[in-house]
Amino acid sequence: MNVRSKFSDVEFLTKANGSGTVVSSGSRLEGRITSPSTISISGLVEGELNASEIVIEKEGIAKGSIFAEHLIIIGKFEGKVSANKITIASTGSVKGDLSYSRVTIDDGALLDVNFHKI
């Protein structure tokens, strides 16, 4: 199943001209990224991410801290998350601490986490 169709109800994935921050495949970024809209990760990010919506794409890797309204993990994440909604796809791999209001986990996702409902 195409990830874009799987999450077609997520508004920013269907916008043609949305603004946001993209860390493309092959890129490596260390530090802090803050965005009022979307951060999409296809490369490697180590540090702190803060945005309305964050997508770790299938080939993406994020390590560190994430603060988001909605986090979608299709790739790999290691660290701490505080998010209103977390969605983990079947290809997702997560290690760390997840603080959330709502969480959805697809069958097949790899998890080594501590869950904390907020």
PDB file of N, CA and C in Angstrom:
ATOM      1  N   MET A   1       0.841  -1.184   0.000  1.00  0.00           N
ATOM      2  CA  MET A   1       0.000   0.000   0.000  1.00  0.00           C
ATOM      3  C   MET A   1       0.884   1.245   0.000  1.00  0.00           C
ATOM      4  N   ASN A   2       0.551   2.198  -0.807  1.00  0.00           N
ATOM      5  CA  ASN A   2       1.251   3.476  -0.874  1.00  0.00           C
ATOM      6  C   ASN A   2       0.999   4.258   0.405  1.00  0.00           C
ATOM      7  N   VAL A   3       2.078   4.746   1.038  1.00  0.00           N
ATOM      8  CA  VAL A   3       1.967   5.484   2.288  1.00  0.00           C
ATOM      9  C   VAL A   3       1.098   6.724   2.122  1.00  0.00           C
ATOM     10  N   ARG A   4       1.214   7.392   0.992  1.00  0.00           N
ATOM     11  CA  ARG A   4       0.416   8.594   0.764  1.00  0.00           C
ATOM     12  C   ARG A   4      -1.078   8.270   0.761  1.00  0.00           C
ATOM     13  N   SER A   5      -1.477   7.125   0.192  1.00  0.00           N
ATOM     14  CA  SER A   5      -2.896   6.777   0.197  1.00  0.00           C
ATOM     15  C   SER A   5      -3.327   6.267   1.570  1.00  0.00           C
ATOM     16  N   LYS A   6      -2.425   5.598   2.278  1.00  0.00           N
ATOM     17  CA  LYS A   6      -2.748   5.087   3.607  1.00  0.00           C
ATOM     18  C   LYS A   6      -3.090   6.238   4.554  1.00  0.00           C
ATOM     19  N   PHE A   7      -2.365   7.333   4.434  1.00  0.00           N
ATOM     20  CA  PHE A   7      -2.573   8.471   5.307  1.00  0.00           C
ATOM     21  C   PHE A   7      -3.217   9.639   4.558  1.00  0.00           C
ATOM     22  N   SER A   8      -4.084   9.333   3.588  1.00  0.00           N
ATOM     23  CA  SER A   8      -4.681  10.370   2.754  1.00  0.00           C
ATOM     24  C   SER A   8      -5.577  11.317   3.540  1.00  0.00           C
ATOM     25  N   ASP A   9      -6.015  10.911   4.724  1.00  0.00           N
ATOM     26  CA  ASP A   9      -6.840  11.801   5.533  1.00  0.00           C
ATOM     27  C   ASP A   9      -6.004  12.854   6.251  1.00  0.00           C
ATOM     28  N   VAL A  10      -4.682  12.718   6.199  1.00  0.00           N
ATOM     29  CA  VAL A  10      -3.798  13.693   6.821  1.00  0.00           C
ATOM     30  C   VAL A  10      -3.620  14.839   5.827  1.00  0.00           C
ATOM     31  N   GLU A  11      -4.141  15.991   6.169  1.00  0.00           N
ATOM     32  CA  GLU A  11      -4.255  17.117   5.253  1.00  0.00           C
ATOM     33  C   GLU A  11      -2.942  17.522   4.584  1.00  0.00           C
ATOM     34  N   PHE A  12      -1.842  17.613   5.336  1.00  0.00           N
ATOM     35  CA  PHE A  12      -0.605  18.120   4.751  1.00  0.00           C
ATOM     36  C   PHE A  12      -0.033  17.179   3.699  1.00  0.00           C
ATOM     37  N   LEU A  13      -0.382  15.903   3.727  1.00  0.00           N
ATOM     38  CA  LEU A  13       0.122  14.974   2.718  1.00  0.00           C
ATOM     39  C   LEU A  13      -0.598  15.126   1.388  1.00  0.00           C
ATOM     40  N   THR A  14      -1.759  15.737   1.399  1.00  0.00           N
ATOM     41  CA  THR A  14      -2.524  15.883   0.169  1.00  0.00           C
ATOM     42  C   THR A  14      -2.446  17.297  -0.405  1.00  0.00           C
ATOM     43  N   LYS A  15      -1.840  18.239   0.313  1.00  0.00           N
ATOM     44  CA  LYS A  15      -1.694  19.600  -0.192  1.00  0.00           C
ATOM     45  C   LYS A  15      -0.598  19.645  -1.256  1.00  0.00           C
ATOM     46  N   ALA A  16      -0.877  20.307  -2.347  1.00  0.00           N
ATOM     47  CA  ALA A  16       0.119  20.416  -3.413  1.00  0.00           C
ATOM     48  C   ALA A  16       1.126  21.517  -3.138  1.00  0.00           C
ATOM     49  N   ASN A  17       0.722  22.576  -2.467  1.00  0.00           N
ATOM     50  CA  ASN A  17       1.617  23.716  -2.294  1.00  0.00           C
ATOM     51  C   ASN A  17       1.869  24.048  -0.823  1.00  0.00           C
ATOM     52  N   GLY A  18       1.860  23.051   0.049  1.00  0.00           N
ATOM     53  CA  GLY A  18       2.109  23.291   1.456  1.00  0.00           C
ATOM     54  C   GLY A  18       3.562  23.658   1.698  1.00  0.00           C
ATOM     55  N   SER A  19       3.790  24.424   2.750  1.00  0.00           N
ATOM     56  CA  SER A  19       5.155  24.757   3.102  1.00  0.00           C
ATOM     57  C   SER A  19       5.587  23.862   4.245  1.00  0.00           C
ATOM     58  N   GLY A  20       6.866  23.719   4.403  1.00  0.00           N
ATOM     59  CA  GLY A  20       7.392  22.890   5.466  1.00  0.00           C
ATOM     60  C   GLY A  20       8.879  22.703   5.298  1.00  0.00           C
ATOM     61  N   THR A  21       9.421  21.834   6.118  1.00  0.00           N
ATOM     62  CA  THR A  21      10.851  21.551   6.105  1.00  0.00           C
ATOM     63  C   THR A  21      11.054  20.118   5.664  1.00  0.00           C
ATOM     64  N   VAL A  22      11.980  19.906   4.726  1.00  0.00           N
ATOM     65  CA  VAL A  22      12.260  18.577   4.217  1.00  0.00           C
ATOM     66  C   VAL A  22      13.732  18.264   4.424  1.00  0.00           C
ATOM     67  N   VAL A  23      13.998  17.119   5.053  1.00  0.00           N
ATOM     68  CA  VAL A  23      15.355  16.592   5.143  1.00  0.00           C
ATOM     69  C   VAL A  23      15.383  15.420   4.176  1.00  0.00           C
ATOM     70  N   SER A  24      16.007  15.645   3.023  1.00  0.00           N
ATOM     71  CA  SER A  24      15.927  14.665   1.940  1.00  0.00           C
ATOM     72  C   SER A  24      16.850  13.478   2.156  1.00  0.00           C
ATOM     73  N   SER A  25      16.580  12.422   1.404  1.00  0.00           N
ATOM     74  CA  SER A  25      17.367  11.197   1.459  1.00  0.00           C
ATOM     75  C   SER A  25      18.829  11.516   1.168  1.00  0.00           C
ATOM     76  N   GLY A  26      19.727  10.957   1.960  1.00  0.00           N
ATOM     77  CA  GLY A  26      21.155  11.213   1.784  1.00  0.00           C
ATOM     78  C   GLY A  26      21.657  12.386   2.606  1.00  0.00           C
ATOM     79  N   SER A  27      20.740  13.179   3.151  1.00  0.00           N
ATOM     80  CA  SER A  27      21.125  14.332   3.970  1.00  0.00           C
ATOM     81  C   SER A  27      21.252  13.928   5.431  1.00  0.00           C
ATOM     82  N   ARG A  28      22.116  14.638   6.151  1.00  0.00           N
ATOM     83  CA  ARG A  28      22.289  14.426   7.582  1.00  0.00           C
ATOM     84  C   ARG A  28      22.248  15.792   8.261  1.00  0.00           C
ATOM     85  N   LEU A  29      21.425  15.888   9.287  1.00  0.00           N
ATOM     86  CA  LEU A  29      21.281  17.154   9.994  1.00  0.00           C
ATOM     87  C   LEU A  29      21.395  16.913  11.494  1.00  0.00           C
ATOM     88  N   GLU A  30      22.197  17.733  12.164  1.00  0.00           N
ATOM     89  CA  GLU A  30      22.315  17.668  13.614  1.00  0.00           C
ATOM     90  C   GLU A  30      21.915  19.015  14.179  1.00  0.00           C
ATOM     91  N   GLY A  31      21.110  19.004  15.244  1.00  0.00           N
ATOM     92  CA  GLY A  31      20.699  20.253  15.864  1.00  0.00           C
ATOM     93  C   GLY A  31      19.212  20.296  16.125  1.00  0.00           C
ATOM     94  N   ARG A  32      18.658  21.494  16.033  1.00  0.00           N
ATOM     95  CA  ARG A  32      17.251  21.719  16.345  1.00  0.00           C
ATOM     96  C   ARG A  32      16.531  22.237  15.102  1.00  0.00           C
ATOM     97  N   ILE A  33      15.359  21.632  14.823  1.00  0.00           N
ATOM     98  CA  ILE A  33      14.503  22.117  13.744  1.00  0.00           C
ATOM     99  C   ILE A  33      13.159  22.477  14.366  1.00  0.00           C
ATOM    100  N   THR A  34      12.712  23.698  14.124  1.00  0.00           N
ATOM    101  CA  THR A  34      11.402  24.154  14.571  1.00  0.00           C
ATOM    102  C   THR A  34      10.652  24.666  13.358  1.00  0.00           C
ATOM    103  N   SER A  35       9.406  24.207  13.195  1.00  0.00           N
ATOM    104  CA  SER A  35       8.595  24.616  12.056  1.00  0.00           C
ATOM    105  C   SER A  35       7.144  24.769  12.505  1.00  0.00           C
ATOM    106  N   PRO A  36       6.451  25.815  12.026  1.00  0.00           N
ATOM    107  CA  PRO A  36       5.040  25.961  12.368  1.00  0.00           C
ATOM    108  C   PRO A  36       4.153  24.976  11.611  1.00  0.00           C
ATOM    109  N   SER A  37       4.714  24.301  10.604  1.00  0.00           N
ATOM    110  CA  SER A  37       3.905  23.384   9.802  1.00  0.00           C
ATOM    111  C   SER A  37       4.471  21.968   9.865  1.00  0.00           C
ATOM    112  N   THR A  38       5.034  21.484   8.768  1.00  0.00           N
ATOM    113  CA  THR A  38       5.422  20.087   8.634  1.00  0.00           C
ATOM    114  C   THR A  38       6.929  19.921   8.519  1.00  0.00           C
ATOM    115  N   ILE A  39       7.445  18.891   9.168  1.00  0.00           N
ATOM    116  CA  ILE A  39       8.818  18.455   8.952  1.00  0.00           C
ATOM    117  C   ILE A  39       8.734  17.040   8.378  1.00  0.00           C
ATOM    118  N   SER A  40       9.356  16.826   7.213  1.00  0.00           N
ATOM    119  CA  SER A  40       9.380  15.522   6.567  1.00  0.00           C
ATOM    120  C   SER A  40      10.827  15.048   6.510  1.00  0.00           C
ATOM    121  N   ILE A  41      11.077  13.840   7.028  1.00  0.00           N
ATOM    122  CA  ILE A  41      12.445  13.344   7.139  1.00  0.00           C
ATOM    123  C   ILE A  41      12.614  12.091   6.287  1.00  0.00           C
ATOM    124  N   SER A  42      13.497  12.180   5.303  1.00  0.00           N
ATOM    125  CA  SER A  42      13.880  11.023   4.502  1.00  0.00           C
ATOM    126  C   SER A  42      15.354  10.696   4.703  1.00  0.00           C
ATOM    127  N   GLY A  43      16.086  11.616   5.324  1.00  0.00           N
ATOM    128  CA  GLY A  43      17.501  11.415   5.627  1.00  0.00           C
ATOM    129  C   GLY A  43      17.677  11.080   7.095  1.00  0.00           C
ATOM    130  N   LEU A  44      18.783  11.570   7.686  1.00  0.00           N
ATOM    131  CA  LEU A  44      19.093  11.335   9.091  1.00  0.00           C
ATOM    132  C   LEU A  44      19.061  12.653   9.853  1.00  0.00           C
ATOM    133  N   VAL A  45      18.323  12.676  10.958  1.00  0.00           N
ATOM    134  CA  VAL A  45      18.266  13.854  11.825  1.00  0.00           C
ATOM    135  C   VAL A  45      18.599  13.413  13.240  1.00  0.00           C
ATOM    136  N   GLU A  46      19.530  14.138  13.870  1.00  0.00           N
ATOM    137  CA  GLU A  46      19.862  13.904  15.271  1.00  0.00           C
ATOM    138  C   GLU A  46      19.703  15.225  16.001  1.00  0.00           C
ATOM    139  N   GLY A  47      18.806  15.246  17.000  1.00  0.00           N
ATOM    140  CA  GLY A  47      18.595  16.475  17.745  1.00  0.00           C
ATOM    141  C   GLY A  47      17.160  16.621  18.191  1.00  0.00           C
ATOM    142  N   GLU A  48      16.689  17.870  18.189  1.00  0.00           N
ATOM    143  CA  GLU A  48      15.343  18.183  18.654  1.00  0.00           C
ATOM    144  C   GLU A  48      14.490  18.670  17.488  1.00  0.00           C
ATOM    145  N   LEU A  49      13.286  18.094  17.381  1.00  0.00           N
ATOM    146  CA  LEU A  49      12.333  18.483  16.346  1.00  0.00           C
ATOM    147  C   LEU A  49      11.074  19.001  17.013  1.00  0.00           C
ATOM    148  N   ASN A  50      10.572  20.136  16.526  1.00  0.00           N
ATOM    149  CA  ASN A  50       9.363  20.731  17.076  1.00  0.00           C
ATOM    150  C   ASN A  50       8.540  21.267  15.915  1.00  0.00           C
ATOM    151  N   ALA A  51       7.354  20.678  15.704  1.00  0.00           N
ATOM    152  CA  ALA A  51       6.498  21.096  14.588  1.00  0.00           C
ATOM    153  C   ALA A  51       5.075  20.655  14.831  1.00  0.00           C
ATOM    154  N   SER A  52       4.173  21.219  14.044  1.00  0.00           N
ATOM    155  CA  SER A  52       2.785  20.801  14.108  1.00  0.00           C
ATOM    156  C   SER A  52       2.661  19.340  13.701  1.00  0.00           C
ATOM    157  N   GLU A  53       3.302  18.980  12.584  1.00  0.00           N
ATOM    158  CA  GLU A  53       3.260  17.610  12.084  1.00  0.00           C
ATOM    159  C   GLU A  53       4.657  17.195  11.660  1.00  0.00           C
ATOM    160  N   ILE A  54       5.030  15.983  12.037  1.00  0.00           N
ATOM    161  CA  ILE A  54       6.344  15.444  11.676  1.00  0.00           C
ATOM    162  C   ILE A  54       6.130  14.074  11.064  1.00  0.00           C
ATOM    163  N   VAL A  55       6.766  13.846   9.902  1.00  0.00           N
ATOM    164  CA  VAL A  55       6.689  12.553   9.224  1.00  0.00           C
ATOM    165  C   VAL A  55       8.111  12.017   9.075  1.00  0.00           C
ATOM    166  N   ILE A  56       8.348  10.853   9.652  1.00  0.00           N
ATOM    167  CA  ILE A  56       9.607  10.146   9.424  1.00  0.00           C
ATOM    168  C   ILE A  56       9.310   9.125   8.332  1.00  0.00           C
ATOM    169  N   GLU A  57       9.759   9.441   7.131  1.00  0.00           N
ATOM    170  CA  GLU A  57       9.468   8.604   5.963  1.00  0.00           C
ATOM    171  C   GLU A  57      10.160   7.245   6.086  1.00  0.00           C
ATOM    172  N   LYS A  58       9.812   6.307   5.199  1.00  0.00           N
ATOM    173  CA  LYS A  58      10.308   4.935   5.276  1.00  0.00           C
ATOM    174  C   LYS A  58      11.832   4.867   5.333  1.00  0.00           C
ATOM    175  N   GLU A  59      12.521   5.706   4.568  1.00  0.00           N
ATOM    176  CA  GLU A  59      13.979   5.693   4.555  1.00  0.00           C
ATOM    177  C   GLU A  59      14.576   6.656   5.589  1.00  0.00           C
ATOM    178  N   GLY A  60      13.721   7.344   6.339  1.00  0.00           N
ATOM    179  CA  GLY A  60      14.166   8.338   7.315  1.00  0.00           C
ATOM    180  C   GLY A  60      14.539   7.744   8.664  1.00  0.00           C
ATOM    181  N   ILE A  61      15.485   8.432   9.325  1.00  0.00           N
ATOM    182  CA  ILE A  61      15.918   8.058  10.669  1.00  0.00           C
ATOM    183  C   ILE A  61      15.989   9.334  11.497  1.00  0.00           C
ATOM    184  N   ALA A  62      15.363   9.303  12.665  1.00  0.00           N
ATOM    185  CA  ALA A  62      15.427  10.441  13.585  1.00  0.00           C
ATOM    186  C   ALA A  62      15.845   9.929  14.956  1.00  0.00           C
ATOM    187  N   LYS A  63      16.781  10.663  15.567  1.00  0.00           N
ATOM    188  CA  LYS A  63      17.251  10.330  16.915  1.00  0.00           C
ATOM    189  C   LYS A  63      17.225  11.602  17.737  1.00  0.00           C
ATOM    190  N   GLY A  64      16.647  11.520  18.939  1.00  0.00           N
ATOM    191  CA  GLY A  64      16.605  12.695  19.805  1.00  0.00           C
ATOM    192  C   GLY A  64      15.240  12.894  20.417  1.00  0.00           C
ATOM    193  N   SER A  65      14.785  14.155  20.427  1.00  0.00           N
ATOM    194  CA  SER A  65      13.502  14.526  21.031  1.00  0.00           C
ATOM    195  C   SER A  65      12.568  15.094  19.983  1.00  0.00           C
ATOM    196  N   ILE A  66      11.303  14.702  20.075  1.00  0.00           N
ATOM    197  CA  ILE A  66      10.278  15.211  19.163  1.00  0.00           C
ATOM    198  C   ILE A  66       9.116  15.766  19.978  1.00  0.00           C
ATOM    199  N   PHE A  67       8.683  16.969  19.587  1.00  0.00           N
ATOM    200  CA  PHE A  67       7.501  17.610  20.153  1.00  0.00           C
ATOM    201  C   PHE A  67       6.609  17.960  18.975  1.00  0.00           C
ATOM    202  N   ALA A  68       5.406  17.349  18.913  1.00  0.00           N
ATOM    203  CA  ALA A  68       4.543  17.553  17.752  1.00  0.00           C
ATOM    204  C   ALA A  68       3.084  17.371  18.123  1.00  0.00           C
ATOM    205  N   GLU A  69       2.236  17.980  17.316  1.00  0.00           N
ATOM    206  CA  GLU A  69       0.802  17.733  17.436  1.00  0.00           C
ATOM    207  C   GLU A  69       0.495  16.340  16.889  1.00  0.00           C
ATOM    208  N   HIS A  70       1.103  16.014  15.718  1.00  0.00           N
ATOM    209  CA  HIS A  70       0.904  14.704  15.094  1.00  0.00           C
ATOM    210  C   HIS A  70       2.239  14.197  14.573  1.00  0.00           C
ATOM    211  N   LEU A  71       2.616  13.012  14.987  1.00  0.00           N
ATOM    212  CA  LEU A  71       3.847  12.361  14.537  1.00  0.00           C
ATOM    213  C   LEU A  71       3.484  11.091  13.798  1.00  0.00           C
ATOM    214  N   ILE A  72       4.025  10.938  12.591  1.00  0.00           N
ATOM    215  CA  ILE A  72       3.841   9.718  11.805  1.00  0.00           C
ATOM    216  C   ILE A  72       5.216   9.080  11.627  1.00  0.00           C
ATOM    217  N   ILE A  73       5.344   7.849  12.093  1.00  0.00           N
ATOM    218  CA  ILE A  73       6.618   7.137  11.977  1.00  0.00           C
ATOM    219  C   ILE A  73       6.447   5.995  10.988  1.00  0.00           C
ATOM    220  N   ILE A  74       7.100   6.147   9.850  1.00  0.00           N
ATOM    221  CA  ILE A  74       7.092   5.119   8.814  1.00  0.00           C
ATOM    222  C   ILE A  74       8.478   4.475   8.763  1.00  0.00           C
ATOM    223  N   GLY A  75       9.485   5.254   9.162  1.00  0.00           N
ATOM    224  CA  GLY A  75      10.876   4.803   9.193  1.00  0.00           C
ATOM    225  C   GLY A  75      11.313   4.455  10.602  1.00  0.00           C
ATOM    226  N   LYS A  76      12.463   5.021  11.035  1.00  0.00           N
ATOM    227  CA  LYS A  76      13.043   4.658  12.326  1.00  0.00           C
ATOM    228  C   LYS A  76      13.167   5.872  13.238  1.00  0.00           C
ATOM    229  N   PHE A  77      12.850   5.657  14.517  1.00  0.00           N
ATOM    230  CA  PHE A  77      13.003   6.707  15.520  1.00  0.00           C
ATOM    231  C   PHE A  77      13.575   6.125  16.805  1.00  0.00           C
ATOM    232  N   GLU A  78      14.480   6.901  17.411  1.00  0.00           N
ATOM    233  CA  GLU A  78      15.030   6.532  18.711  1.00  0.00           C
ATOM    234  C   GLU A  78      15.105   7.790  19.562  1.00  0.00           C
ATOM    235  N   GLY A  79      14.462   7.766  20.740  1.00  0.00           N
ATOM    236  CA  GLY A  79      14.512   8.913  21.630  1.00  0.00           C
ATOM    237  C   GLY A  79      13.226   9.108  22.397  1.00  0.00           C
ATOM    238  N   LYS A  80      12.896  10.394  22.638  1.00  0.00           N
ATOM    239  CA  LYS A  80      11.705  10.744  23.411  1.00  0.00           C
ATOM    240  C   LYS A  80      10.739  11.538  22.547  1.00  0.00           C
ATOM    241  N   VAL A  81       9.445  11.212  22.699  1.00  0.00           N
ATOM    242  CA  VAL A  81       8.390  11.886  21.951  1.00  0.00           C
ATOM    243  C   VAL A  81       7.339  12.416  22.915  1.00  0.00           C
ATOM    244  N   SER A  82       6.871  13.619  22.629  1.00  0.00           N
ATOM    245  CA  SER A  82       5.680  14.158  23.275  1.00  0.00           C
ATOM    246  C   SER A  82       4.790  14.663  22.151  1.00  0.00           C
ATOM    247  N   ALA A  83       3.651  13.990  21.948  1.00  0.00           N
ATOM    248  CA  ALA A  83       2.772  14.334  20.833  1.00  0.00           C
ATOM    249  C   ALA A  83       1.320  14.071  21.205  1.00  0.00           C
ATOM    250  N   ASN A  84       0.429  14.881  20.634  1.00  0.00           N
ATOM    251  CA  ASN A  84      -0.989  14.642  20.828  1.00  0.00           C
ATOM    252  C   ASN A  84      -1.393  13.318  20.188  1.00  0.00           C
ATOM    253  N   LYS A  85      -0.951  13.096  18.943  1.00  0.00           N
ATOM    254  CA  LYS A  85      -1.294  11.865  18.222  1.00  0.00           C
ATOM    255  C   LYS A  85      -0.027  11.280  17.615  1.00  0.00           C
ATOM    256  N   ILE A  86       0.156   9.981  17.806  1.00  0.00           N
ATOM    257  CA  ILE A  86       1.281   9.262  17.211  1.00  0.00           C
ATOM    258  C   ILE A  86       0.720   8.144  16.348  1.00  0.00           C
ATOM    259  N   THR A  87       1.196   8.067  15.108  1.00  0.00           N
ATOM    260  CA  THR A  87       0.816   7.001  14.192  1.00  0.00           C
ATOM    261  C   THR A  87       2.080   6.269  13.790  1.00  0.00           C
ATOM    262  N   ILE A  88       2.111   4.956  14.025  1.00  0.00           N
ATOM    263  CA  ILE A  88       3.276   4.152  13.671  1.00  0.00           C
ATOM    264  C   ILE A  88       2.855   3.138  12.611  1.00  0.00           C
ATOM    265  N   ALA A  89       3.454   3.245  11.434  1.00  0.00           N
ATOM    266  CA  ALA A  89       3.134   2.352  10.316  1.00  0.00           C
ATOM    267  C   ALA A  89       3.784   0.988  10.526  1.00  0.00           C
ATOM    268  N   SER A  90       3.374   0.012   9.734  1.00  0.00           N
ATOM    269  CA  SER A  90       3.899  -1.356   9.850  1.00  0.00           C
ATOM    270  C   SER A  90       5.400  -1.420   9.595  1.00  0.00           C
ATOM    271  N   THR A  91       5.936  -0.465   8.853  1.00  0.00           N
ATOM    272  CA  THR A  91       7.372  -0.413   8.564  1.00  0.00           C
ATOM    273  C   THR A  91       8.141   0.372   9.617  1.00  0.00           C
ATOM    274  N   GLY A  92       7.433   0.950  10.581  1.00  0.00           N
ATOM    275  CA  GLY A  92       8.063   1.785  11.600  1.00  0.00           C
ATOM    276  C   GLY A  92       8.837   0.976  12.626  1.00  0.00           C
ATOM    277  N   SER A  93       9.921   1.590  13.110  1.00  0.00           N
ATOM    278  CA  SER A  93      10.740   1.008  14.161  1.00  0.00           C
ATOM    279  C   SER A  93      10.982   2.100  15.193  1.00  0.00           C
ATOM    280  N   VAL A  94      10.592   1.848  16.444  1.00  0.00           N
ATOM    281  CA  VAL A  94      10.650   2.880  17.472  1.00  0.00           C
ATOM    282  C   VAL A  94      11.302   2.327  18.730  1.00  0.00           C
ATOM    283  N   LYS A  95      12.248   3.112  19.284  1.00  0.00           N
ATOM    284  CA  LYS A  95      12.899   2.765  20.545  1.00  0.00           C
ATOM    285  C   LYS A  95      12.948   4.017  21.405  1.00  0.00           C
ATOM    286  N   GLY A  96      12.374   3.947  22.614  1.00  0.00           N
ATOM    287  CA  GLY A  96      12.432   5.105  23.496  1.00  0.00           C
ATOM    288  C   GLY A  96      11.183   5.289  24.317  1.00  0.00           C
ATOM    289  N   ASP A  97      10.884   6.548  24.626  1.00  0.00           N
ATOM    290  CA  ASP A  97       9.739   6.920  25.458  1.00  0.00           C
ATOM    291  C   ASP A  97       8.726   7.702  24.633  1.00  0.00           C
ATOM    292  N   LEU A  98       7.464   7.258  24.660  1.00  0.00           N
ATOM    293  CA  LEU A  98       6.400   7.915  23.908  1.00  0.00           C
ATOM    294  C   LEU A  98       5.352   8.457  24.874  1.00  0.00           C
ATOM    295  N   SER A  99       5.168   9.777  24.885  1.00  0.00           N
ATOM    296  CA  SER A  99       4.102  10.427  25.639  1.00  0.00           C
ATOM    297  C   SER A  99       3.080  10.904  24.621  1.00  0.00           C
ATOM    298  N   TYR A 100       1.799  10.550  24.814  1.00  0.00           N
ATOM    299  CA  TYR A 100       0.796  10.763  23.776  1.00  0.00           C
ATOM    300  C   TYR A 100      -0.597  10.899  24.385  1.00  0.00           C
ATOM    301  N   SER A 101      -1.501  11.489  23.606  1.00  0.00           N
ATOM    302  CA  SER A 101      -2.928  11.455  23.929  1.00  0.00           C
ATOM    303  C   SER A 101      -3.611  10.323  23.180  1.00  0.00           C
ATOM    304  N   ARG A 102      -3.212  10.141  21.888  1.00  0.00           N
ATOM    305  CA  ARG A 102      -3.762   9.076  21.049  1.00  0.00           C
ATOM    306  C   ARG A 102      -2.616   8.405  20.308  1.00  0.00           C
ATOM    307  N   VAL A 103      -2.719   7.084  20.157  1.00  0.00           N
ATOM    308  CA  VAL A 103      -1.688   6.354  19.418  1.00  0.00           C
ATOM    309  C   VAL A 103      -2.342   5.292  18.552  1.00  0.00           C
ATOM    310  N   THR A 104      -1.806   5.127  17.334  1.00  0.00           N
ATOM    311  CA  THR A 104      -2.240   4.083  16.412  1.00  0.00           C
ATOM    312  C   THR A 104      -0.995   3.328  15.973  1.00  0.00           C
ATOM    313  N   ILE A 105      -1.031   2.004  16.099  1.00  0.00           N
ATOM    314  CA  ILE A 105       0.122   1.183  15.735  1.00  0.00           C
ATOM    315  C   ILE A 105      -0.329   0.106  14.761  1.00  0.00           C
ATOM    316  N   ASP A 106       0.259   0.105  13.566  1.00  0.00           N
ATOM    317  CA  ASP A 106      -0.053  -0.927  12.576  1.00  0.00           C
ATOM    318  C   ASP A 106       0.667  -2.226  12.914  1.00  0.00           C
ATOM    319  N   ASP A 107       0.037  -3.342  12.554  1.00  0.00           N
ATOM    320  CA  ASP A 107       0.626  -4.654  12.740  1.00  0.00           C
ATOM    321  C   ASP A 107       1.949  -4.731  11.996  1.00  0.00           C
ATOM    322  N   GLY A 108       2.987  -5.203  12.665  1.00  0.00           N
ATOM    323  CA  GLY A 108       4.299  -5.345  12.036  1.00  0.00           C
ATOM    324  C   GLY A 108       5.305  -4.309  12.512  1.00  0.00           C
ATOM    325  N   ALA A 109       4.847  -3.238  13.144  1.00  0.00           N
ATOM    326  CA  ALA A 109       5.756  -2.209  13.650  1.00  0.00           C
ATOM    327  C   ALA A 109       6.651  -2.816  14.731  1.00  0.00           C
ATOM    328  N   LEU A 110       7.913  -2.388  14.757  1.00  0.00           N
ATOM    329  CA  LEU A 110       8.864  -2.854  15.757  1.00  0.00           C
ATOM    330  C   LEU A 110       8.961  -1.829  16.878  1.00  0.00           C
ATOM    331  N   LEU A 111       8.673  -2.261  18.113  1.00  0.00           N
ATOM    332  CA  LEU A 111       8.622  -1.327  19.243  1.00  0.00           C
ATOM    333  C   LEU A 111       9.467  -1.818  20.411  1.00  0.00           C
ATOM    334  N   ASP A 112      10.252  -0.927  20.981  1.00  0.00           N
ATOM    335  CA  ASP A 112      10.952  -1.126  22.242  1.00  0.00           C
ATOM    336  C   ASP A 112      10.768   0.181  22.997  1.00  0.00           C
ATOM    337  N   VAL A 113       9.571   0.370  23.562  1.00  0.00           N
ATOM    338  CA  VAL A 113       9.197   1.684  24.090  1.00  0.00           C
ATOM    339  C   VAL A 113       8.538   1.608  25.464  1.00  0.00           C
ATOM    340  N   ASN A 114       8.565   2.747  26.126  1.00  0.00           N
ATOM    341  CA  ASN A 114       7.774   2.990  27.318  1.00  0.00           C
ATOM    342  C   ASN A 114       6.652   3.942  26.908  1.00  0.00           C
ATOM    343  N   PHE A 115       5.414   3.556  27.166  1.00  0.00           N
ATOM    344  CA  PHE A 115       4.270   4.396  26.815  1.00  0.00           C
ATOM    345  C   PHE A 115       3.838   5.215  28.024  1.00  0.00           C
ATOM    346  N   HIS A 116       3.518   6.505  27.770  1.00  0.00           N
ATOM    347  CA  HIS A 116       3.021   7.400  28.814  1.00  0.00           C
ATOM    348  C   HIS A 116       1.848   8.169  28.253  1.00  0.00           C
ATOM    349  N   LYS A 117       0.634   7.877  28.717  1.00  0.00           N
ATOM    350  CA  LYS A 117      -0.560   8.593  28.242  1.00  0.00           C
ATOM    351  C   LYS A 117      -0.613   9.947  28.936  1.00  0.00           C
ATOM    352  N   ILE A 118      -0.846  11.008  28.130  1.00  0.00           N
ATOM    353  CA  ILE A 118      -0.945  12.362  28.694  1.00  0.00           C
ATOM    354  C   ILE A 118      -2.345  12.909  28.527  1.00  0.00           C
TER     355      ILE A 118
END
